[in-house]
């Protein structure tokens, strides 16, 4: 069963074009996680992996097929990640920079959802805080 998870929308002081350039370099993606939220972050050209503190290891590969409209980054989990999900970063330009949020489609059963939902929500909240810290609005 596919379940959609959506993170909080944040206002950033960077254009969506510049944000795309920054986060599609997966080496810099690790810098968006606040201290202590993930361990063992490893990146190469189109893949990254990390362990959510107190949780599971996540292995993601970039999906270059679908950069449509406001989706500036899409990644999909690969083995050995136990739950299959996609991760999208969606951004739209605003007067001061861009408005951005994370979206995920996860293939989970009702039992797995109970376990996955709080972890994904917490991860999205933490990355959103990291993005606000890295790209503050200059109003």
N, C-alpha and C. Protein backbone atom coordinates (compact mmCIF):
# COMPACT_ATOMS: atom_id res chain seq x y z
N UNK A 1 0.85 -1.18 0.00
CA UNK A 1 0.00 0.00 0.00
C UNK A 1 0.90 1.24 0.00
N UNK A 2 0.68 2.15 -0.94
CA UNK A 2 1.48 3.37 -1.00
C UNK A 2 0.88 4.43 -0.06
N UNK A 3 1.73 4.99 0.75
CA UNK A 3 1.32 6.01 1.71
C UNK A 3 2.18 7.24 1.48
N UNK A 4 1.54 8.41 1.42
CA UNK A 4 2.28 9.65 1.20
C UNK A 4 2.60 10.30 2.54
N UNK A 5 3.84 10.74 2.68
CA UNK A 5 4.28 11.50 3.84
C UNK A 5 4.77 12.84 3.34
N UNK A 6 4.38 13.93 4.00
CA UNK A 6 4.80 15.26 3.58
C UNK A 6 5.41 15.97 4.78
N UNK A 7 6.58 16.57 4.57
CA UNK A 7 7.25 17.30 5.63
C UNK A 7 6.76 18.74 5.71
N UNK A 8 7.23 19.48 6.68
CA UNK A 8 6.82 20.88 6.83
C UNK A 8 7.38 21.73 5.70
N UNK A 9 6.61 22.74 5.30
CA UNK A 9 7.07 23.66 4.26
C UNK A 9 7.91 24.74 4.94
N UNK A 10 9.10 24.99 4.39
CA UNK A 10 9.99 26.00 4.97
C UNK A 10 10.32 27.06 3.92
N UNK A 11 10.50 28.27 4.39
CA UNK A 11 10.89 29.38 3.52
C UNK A 11 12.40 29.54 3.62
N UNK A 12 13.08 29.49 2.47
CA UNK A 12 14.53 29.54 2.45
C UNK A 12 15.03 30.76 1.68
N UNK A 13 16.20 31.24 2.04
CA UNK A 13 16.81 32.39 1.38
C UNK A 13 17.73 31.98 0.25
N UNK A 14 17.27 31.07 -0.61
CA UNK A 14 18.05 30.60 -1.75
C UNK A 14 17.07 30.29 -2.87
N UNK A 15 17.44 30.52 -4.11
CA UNK A 15 16.53 30.22 -5.21
C UNK A 15 16.42 28.71 -5.39
N UNK A 16 15.34 28.26 -6.01
CA UNK A 16 15.17 26.82 -6.22
C UNK A 16 16.26 26.27 -7.13
N UNK A 17 16.74 27.09 -8.10
CA UNK A 17 17.82 26.65 -9.00
C UNK A 17 19.11 26.43 -8.22
N UNK A 18 19.45 27.37 -7.34
CA UNK A 18 20.67 27.23 -6.53
C UNK A 18 20.53 26.09 -5.52
N UNK A 19 19.34 25.92 -4.96
CA UNK A 19 19.11 24.83 -4.02
C UNK A 19 19.27 23.49 -4.73
N UNK A 20 18.72 23.37 -5.94
CA UNK A 20 18.86 22.13 -6.72
C UNK A 20 20.34 21.82 -6.95
N UNK A 21 21.10 22.85 -7.35
CA UNK A 21 22.53 22.65 -7.62
C UNK A 21 23.25 22.17 -6.35
N UNK A 22 22.86 22.71 -5.21
CA UNK A 22 23.52 22.37 -3.96
C UNK A 22 23.17 20.95 -3.51
N UNK A 23 21.89 20.60 -3.49
CA UNK A 23 21.52 19.31 -2.90
C UNK A 23 21.66 18.14 -3.87
N UNK A 24 21.73 18.39 -5.18
CA UNK A 24 21.97 17.26 -6.08
C UNK A 24 23.44 16.85 -6.04
N UNK A 25 24.28 17.67 -5.39
CA UNK A 25 25.62 17.22 -5.02
C UNK A 25 25.43 16.51 -3.68
N UNK A 26 25.35 15.19 -3.74
CA UNK A 26 24.97 14.42 -2.55
C UNK A 26 25.97 14.56 -1.41
N UNK A 27 27.20 14.97 -1.71
CA UNK A 27 28.17 15.19 -0.64
C UNK A 27 27.69 16.29 0.29
N UNK A 28 27.04 17.33 -0.27
CA UNK A 28 26.58 18.44 0.57
C UNK A 28 25.26 18.11 1.26
N UNK A 29 24.55 17.10 0.77
CA UNK A 29 23.27 16.73 1.38
C UNK A 29 23.45 16.32 2.84
N UNK A 30 24.54 15.65 3.14
CA UNK A 30 24.79 15.22 4.52
C UNK A 30 24.89 16.38 5.49
N UNK A 31 25.30 17.56 4.99
CA UNK A 31 25.40 18.73 5.84
C UNK A 31 24.07 19.30 6.27
N UNK A 32 22.98 18.83 5.67
CA UNK A 32 21.65 19.33 6.04
C UNK A 32 21.08 18.62 7.26
N UNK A 33 21.68 17.49 7.63
CA UNK A 33 21.18 16.78 8.80
C UNK A 33 21.77 17.40 10.05
N UNK A 34 20.93 17.91 10.96
CA UNK A 34 21.47 18.45 12.21
C UNK A 34 22.28 17.40 12.97
N UNK A 35 23.24 17.87 13.71
CA UNK A 35 24.13 17.01 14.49
C UNK A 35 23.34 16.00 15.30
N UNK A 36 23.73 14.73 15.20
CA UNK A 36 23.11 13.70 16.02
C UNK A 36 21.87 13.05 15.43
N UNK A 37 21.38 13.51 14.26
CA UNK A 37 20.17 12.90 13.71
C UNK A 37 20.47 11.71 12.82
N UNK A 38 21.64 11.70 12.18
CA UNK A 38 22.05 10.53 11.39
C UNK A 38 23.50 10.20 11.71
N UNK A 39 23.85 8.94 11.45
CA UNK A 39 25.22 8.48 11.65
C UNK A 39 25.71 7.88 10.34
N UNK A 40 27.01 7.83 10.18
CA UNK A 40 27.65 7.13 9.06
C UNK A 40 27.16 7.59 7.69
N UNK A 41 27.01 8.91 7.49
CA UNK A 41 26.58 9.40 6.18
C UNK A 41 27.70 9.20 5.17
N UNK A 42 27.38 8.53 4.06
CA UNK A 42 28.33 8.26 2.99
C UNK A 42 27.66 8.64 1.67
N UNK A 43 28.39 9.35 0.80
CA UNK A 43 27.82 9.74 -0.49
C UNK A 43 28.82 9.47 -1.61
N UNK A 44 28.28 9.18 -2.79
CA UNK A 44 29.10 9.25 -4.00
C UNK A 44 28.27 9.99 -5.04
N UNK A 45 28.58 9.85 -6.32
CA UNK A 45 27.95 10.70 -7.32
C UNK A 45 26.42 10.64 -7.32
N UNK A 46 25.84 9.46 -7.27
CA UNK A 46 24.38 9.38 -7.37
C UNK A 46 23.73 8.53 -6.28
N UNK A 47 24.50 8.18 -5.23
CA UNK A 47 23.96 7.37 -4.14
C UNK A 47 24.41 7.95 -2.81
N UNK A 48 23.59 7.71 -1.79
CA UNK A 48 24.03 8.04 -0.44
C UNK A 48 23.40 7.04 0.52
N UNK A 49 24.01 6.90 1.67
CA UNK A 49 23.46 6.04 2.70
C UNK A 49 23.77 6.66 4.06
N UNK A 50 22.92 6.34 5.00
CA UNK A 50 23.10 6.83 6.37
C UNK A 50 22.26 5.98 7.28
N UNK A 51 22.57 6.07 8.56
CA UNK A 51 21.79 5.37 9.57
C UNK A 51 21.06 6.43 10.38
N UNK A 52 19.75 6.29 10.46
CA UNK A 52 18.97 7.20 11.28
C UNK A 52 19.27 6.83 12.73
N UNK A 53 19.65 7.81 13.53
CA UNK A 53 20.02 7.55 14.92
C UNK A 53 18.88 6.82 15.62
N UNK A 54 19.20 5.66 16.17
CA UNK A 54 18.19 4.85 16.85
C UNK A 54 17.28 4.10 15.90
N UNK A 55 17.62 4.09 14.61
CA UNK A 55 16.74 3.45 13.63
C UNK A 55 17.49 2.59 12.65
N UNK A 56 17.01 2.63 11.41
CA UNK A 56 17.51 1.73 10.37
C UNK A 56 18.49 2.45 9.45
N UNK A 57 19.22 1.66 8.68
CA UNK A 57 20.08 2.21 7.64
C UNK A 57 19.23 2.49 6.40
N UNK A 58 19.48 3.64 5.78
CA UNK A 58 18.75 4.05 4.58
C UNK A 58 19.75 4.19 3.44
N UNK A 59 19.46 3.54 2.32
CA UNK A 59 20.30 3.62 1.13
C UNK A 59 19.46 4.21 0.01
N UNK A 60 19.90 5.35 -0.53
CA UNK A 60 19.13 6.06 -1.56
C UNK A 60 19.95 6.20 -2.82
N UNK A 61 19.27 6.12 -3.98
CA UNK A 61 19.92 6.37 -5.26
C UNK A 61 19.11 7.45 -5.98
N UNK A 62 19.82 8.36 -6.64
CA UNK A 62 19.17 9.46 -7.32
C UNK A 62 18.37 8.94 -8.51
N UNK A 63 17.18 9.47 -8.68
CA UNK A 63 16.32 9.14 -9.81
C UNK A 63 16.36 10.33 -10.76
N UNK A 64 17.16 10.19 -11.82
CA UNK A 64 17.33 11.33 -12.73
C UNK A 64 16.23 11.42 -13.77
N UNK A 65 15.33 10.44 -13.78
CA UNK A 65 14.29 10.41 -14.81
C UNK A 65 13.20 11.45 -14.60
N UNK A 66 13.04 11.91 -13.38
CA UNK A 66 11.86 12.74 -13.13
C UNK A 66 12.19 14.02 -12.38
N UNK A 67 12.84 14.93 -13.08
CA UNK A 67 12.99 16.28 -12.51
C UNK A 67 11.98 17.17 -13.22
N UNK A 68 10.73 17.04 -12.81
CA UNK A 68 9.68 17.78 -13.49
C UNK A 68 9.17 18.90 -12.60
N UNK A 69 8.95 20.05 -13.18
CA UNK A 69 8.35 21.15 -12.45
C UNK A 69 9.12 21.52 -11.21
N UNK A 70 8.46 21.45 -10.09
CA UNK A 70 9.05 21.93 -8.85
C UNK A 70 9.81 20.84 -8.09
N UNK A 71 9.87 19.60 -8.61
CA UNK A 71 10.65 18.55 -7.96
C UNK A 71 12.12 18.78 -8.32
N UNK A 72 12.93 19.15 -7.32
CA UNK A 72 14.34 19.47 -7.61
C UNK A 72 15.27 18.31 -7.30
N UNK A 73 14.78 17.32 -6.57
CA UNK A 73 15.58 16.12 -6.30
C UNK A 73 14.61 14.98 -6.01
N UNK A 74 14.85 13.83 -6.65
CA UNK A 74 14.07 12.63 -6.33
C UNK A 74 15.04 11.49 -6.14
N UNK A 75 14.83 10.74 -5.07
CA UNK A 75 15.67 9.59 -4.76
C UNK A 75 14.76 8.42 -4.39
N UNK A 76 15.27 7.21 -4.61
CA UNK A 76 14.54 6.00 -4.27
C UNK A 76 15.42 5.11 -3.40
N UNK A 77 14.80 4.39 -2.48
CA UNK A 77 15.57 3.48 -1.65
C UNK A 77 15.99 2.26 -2.47
N UNK A 78 17.12 1.69 -2.09
CA UNK A 78 17.62 0.45 -2.69
C UNK A 78 18.02 -0.47 -1.54
N UNK A 79 18.15 -1.75 -1.85
CA UNK A 79 18.57 -2.73 -0.84
C UNK A 79 19.91 -2.28 -0.25
N UNK A 80 20.13 -2.48 1.03
CA UNK A 80 19.35 -3.28 1.98
C UNK A 80 18.34 -2.48 2.80
N UNK A 81 17.91 -1.32 2.35
CA UNK A 81 16.91 -0.56 3.11
C UNK A 81 15.65 -1.42 3.26
N UNK A 82 15.15 -1.59 4.50
CA UNK A 82 14.03 -2.51 4.72
C UNK A 82 12.68 -2.02 4.18
N UNK A 83 12.51 -0.71 4.01
CA UNK A 83 11.23 -0.16 3.54
C UNK A 83 11.46 0.54 2.20
N UNK A 84 10.60 0.26 1.23
CA UNK A 84 10.74 0.88 -0.08
C UNK A 84 10.00 2.23 -0.08
N UNK A 85 10.76 3.30 -0.36
CA UNK A 85 10.11 4.61 -0.46
C UNK A 85 10.90 5.53 -1.40
N UNK A 86 10.20 6.54 -1.87
CA UNK A 86 10.84 7.59 -2.66
C UNK A 86 10.95 8.82 -1.78
N UNK A 87 11.90 9.67 -2.12
CA UNK A 87 12.08 10.92 -1.39
C UNK A 87 12.20 12.04 -2.43
N UNK A 88 11.31 13.01 -2.34
CA UNK A 88 11.35 14.14 -3.26
C UNK A 88 11.56 15.43 -2.48
N UNK A 89 12.36 16.32 -3.05
CA UNK A 89 12.50 17.67 -2.52
C UNK A 89 11.77 18.56 -3.52
N UNK A 90 10.80 19.30 -3.04
CA UNK A 90 9.97 20.15 -3.90
C UNK A 90 10.18 21.60 -3.48
N UNK A 91 10.50 22.44 -4.47
CA UNK A 91 10.78 23.85 -4.17
C UNK A 91 10.15 24.74 -5.23
N UNK A 92 9.63 25.87 -4.79
CA UNK A 92 9.07 26.87 -5.69
C UNK A 92 9.65 28.22 -5.29
N UNK A 93 10.03 29.00 -6.31
CA UNK A 93 10.61 30.31 -6.04
C UNK A 93 9.60 31.24 -5.38
N UNK A 94 10.12 32.05 -4.45
CA UNK A 94 9.32 33.08 -3.79
C UNK A 94 10.09 34.39 -3.90
N UNK A 95 9.54 35.44 -3.38
CA UNK A 95 10.20 36.75 -3.45
C UNK A 95 11.56 36.74 -2.76
N UNK A 96 11.64 36.08 -1.60
CA UNK A 96 12.89 36.09 -0.83
C UNK A 96 13.81 34.92 -1.09
N UNK A 97 13.40 33.96 -1.93
CA UNK A 97 14.20 32.76 -2.18
C UNK A 97 13.32 31.66 -2.72
N UNK A 98 13.04 30.66 -1.87
CA UNK A 98 12.12 29.61 -2.30
C UNK A 98 11.41 29.00 -1.09
N UNK A 99 10.30 28.37 -1.39
CA UNK A 99 9.53 27.61 -0.43
C UNK A 99 9.79 26.14 -0.73
N UNK A 100 10.10 25.35 0.28
CA UNK A 100 10.59 23.99 0.04
C UNK A 100 9.97 23.02 1.03
N UNK A 101 9.73 21.79 0.56
CA UNK A 101 9.29 20.73 1.47
C UNK A 101 9.69 19.37 0.91
N UNK A 102 9.63 18.36 1.78
CA UNK A 102 9.95 16.99 1.42
C UNK A 102 8.67 16.19 1.29
N UNK A 103 8.68 15.27 0.34
CA UNK A 103 7.53 14.41 0.11
C UNK A 103 8.05 13.00 -0.11
N UNK A 104 7.31 12.03 0.38
CA UNK A 104 7.73 10.65 0.23
C UNK A 104 6.52 9.76 -0.03
N UNK A 105 6.68 8.82 -0.95
CA UNK A 105 5.71 7.75 -1.13
C UNK A 105 6.36 6.49 -0.60
N UNK A 106 5.74 5.88 0.39
CA UNK A 106 6.31 4.68 0.99
C UNK A 106 5.38 3.49 0.76
N UNK A 107 5.98 2.37 0.40
CA UNK A 107 5.22 1.14 0.18
C UNK A 107 5.21 0.37 1.49
N UNK A 108 4.19 0.61 2.29
CA UNK A 108 4.13 0.04 3.63
C UNK A 108 2.76 -0.57 3.92
N UNK A 109 2.77 -1.58 4.77
CA UNK A 109 1.49 -2.11 5.25
C UNK A 109 1.11 -1.32 6.51
N UNK A 110 -0.12 -1.47 6.98
CA UNK A 110 -0.54 -0.67 8.15
C UNK A 110 0.37 -0.83 9.37
N UNK A 111 0.89 -2.04 9.61
CA UNK A 111 1.77 -2.26 10.75
C UNK A 111 3.09 -1.51 10.57
N UNK A 112 3.69 -1.64 9.37
CA UNK A 112 4.97 -0.97 9.10
C UNK A 112 4.78 0.55 9.15
N UNK A 113 3.63 1.03 8.70
CA UNK A 113 3.37 2.46 8.70
C UNK A 113 3.48 3.04 10.12
N UNK A 114 2.97 2.29 11.09
CA UNK A 114 3.02 2.74 12.49
C UNK A 114 4.47 2.97 12.92
N UNK A 115 5.38 2.14 12.39
CA UNK A 115 6.79 2.26 12.76
C UNK A 115 7.52 3.30 11.91
N UNK A 116 7.15 3.39 10.63
CA UNK A 116 7.88 4.24 9.70
C UNK A 116 7.46 5.71 9.80
N UNK A 117 6.18 5.95 10.00
CA UNK A 117 5.66 7.32 9.97
C UNK A 117 6.37 8.26 10.95
N UNK A 118 6.51 7.89 12.24
CA UNK A 118 7.19 8.81 13.16
C UNK A 118 8.66 9.05 12.76
N UNK A 119 9.34 8.01 12.24
CA UNK A 119 10.75 8.16 11.86
C UNK A 119 10.88 9.08 10.66
N UNK A 120 10.04 8.91 9.64
CA UNK A 120 10.10 9.79 8.47
C UNK A 120 9.73 11.22 8.83
N UNK A 121 8.68 11.37 9.66
CA UNK A 121 8.26 12.71 10.07
C UNK A 121 9.39 13.41 10.82
N UNK A 122 10.03 12.71 11.73
CA UNK A 122 11.14 13.29 12.50
C UNK A 122 12.30 13.64 11.57
N UNK A 123 12.60 12.75 10.60
CA UNK A 123 13.68 13.01 9.66
C UNK A 123 13.38 14.26 8.83
N UNK A 124 12.16 14.37 8.31
CA UNK A 124 11.77 15.54 7.51
C UNK A 124 11.84 16.82 8.34
N UNK A 125 11.37 16.74 9.58
CA UNK A 125 11.43 17.91 10.47
C UNK A 125 12.88 18.34 10.69
N UNK A 126 13.77 17.37 10.92
CA UNK A 126 15.18 17.69 11.20
C UNK A 126 15.87 18.27 9.95
N UNK A 127 15.62 17.67 8.77
CA UNK A 127 16.24 18.20 7.56
C UNK A 127 15.71 19.61 7.27
N UNK A 128 14.42 19.83 7.51
CA UNK A 128 13.83 21.15 7.29
C UNK A 128 14.50 22.19 8.19
N UNK A 129 14.75 21.82 9.46
CA UNK A 129 15.46 22.72 10.38
C UNK A 129 16.87 22.99 9.87
N UNK A 130 17.53 21.93 9.37
CA UNK A 130 18.88 22.08 8.84
C UNK A 130 18.91 23.00 7.64
N UNK A 131 17.91 22.90 6.78
CA UNK A 131 17.84 23.77 5.59
C UNK A 131 17.60 25.22 6.00
N UNK A 132 16.73 25.44 6.98
CA UNK A 132 16.47 26.81 7.45
C UNK A 132 17.74 27.42 8.05
N UNK A 133 18.54 26.58 8.74
CA UNK A 133 19.78 27.07 9.33
C UNK A 133 20.82 27.38 8.25
N UNK A 134 20.89 26.55 7.20
CA UNK A 134 21.89 26.72 6.18
C UNK A 134 21.54 27.83 5.19
N UNK A 135 20.25 27.99 4.90
CA UNK A 135 19.79 28.98 3.91
C UNK A 135 18.78 29.94 4.54
N UNK A 136 19.21 30.75 5.52
CA UNK A 136 18.23 31.61 6.21
C UNK A 136 17.66 32.68 5.27
N UNK A 137 16.44 33.05 5.51
CA UNK A 137 15.78 34.12 4.77
C UNK A 137 16.43 35.44 5.14
N UNK A 138 16.76 36.25 4.17
CA UNK A 138 17.32 37.58 4.43
C UNK A 138 16.27 38.62 4.04
N UNK A 139 15.37 38.87 4.94
CA UNK A 139 14.27 39.81 4.61
C UNK A 139 14.62 41.23 4.99
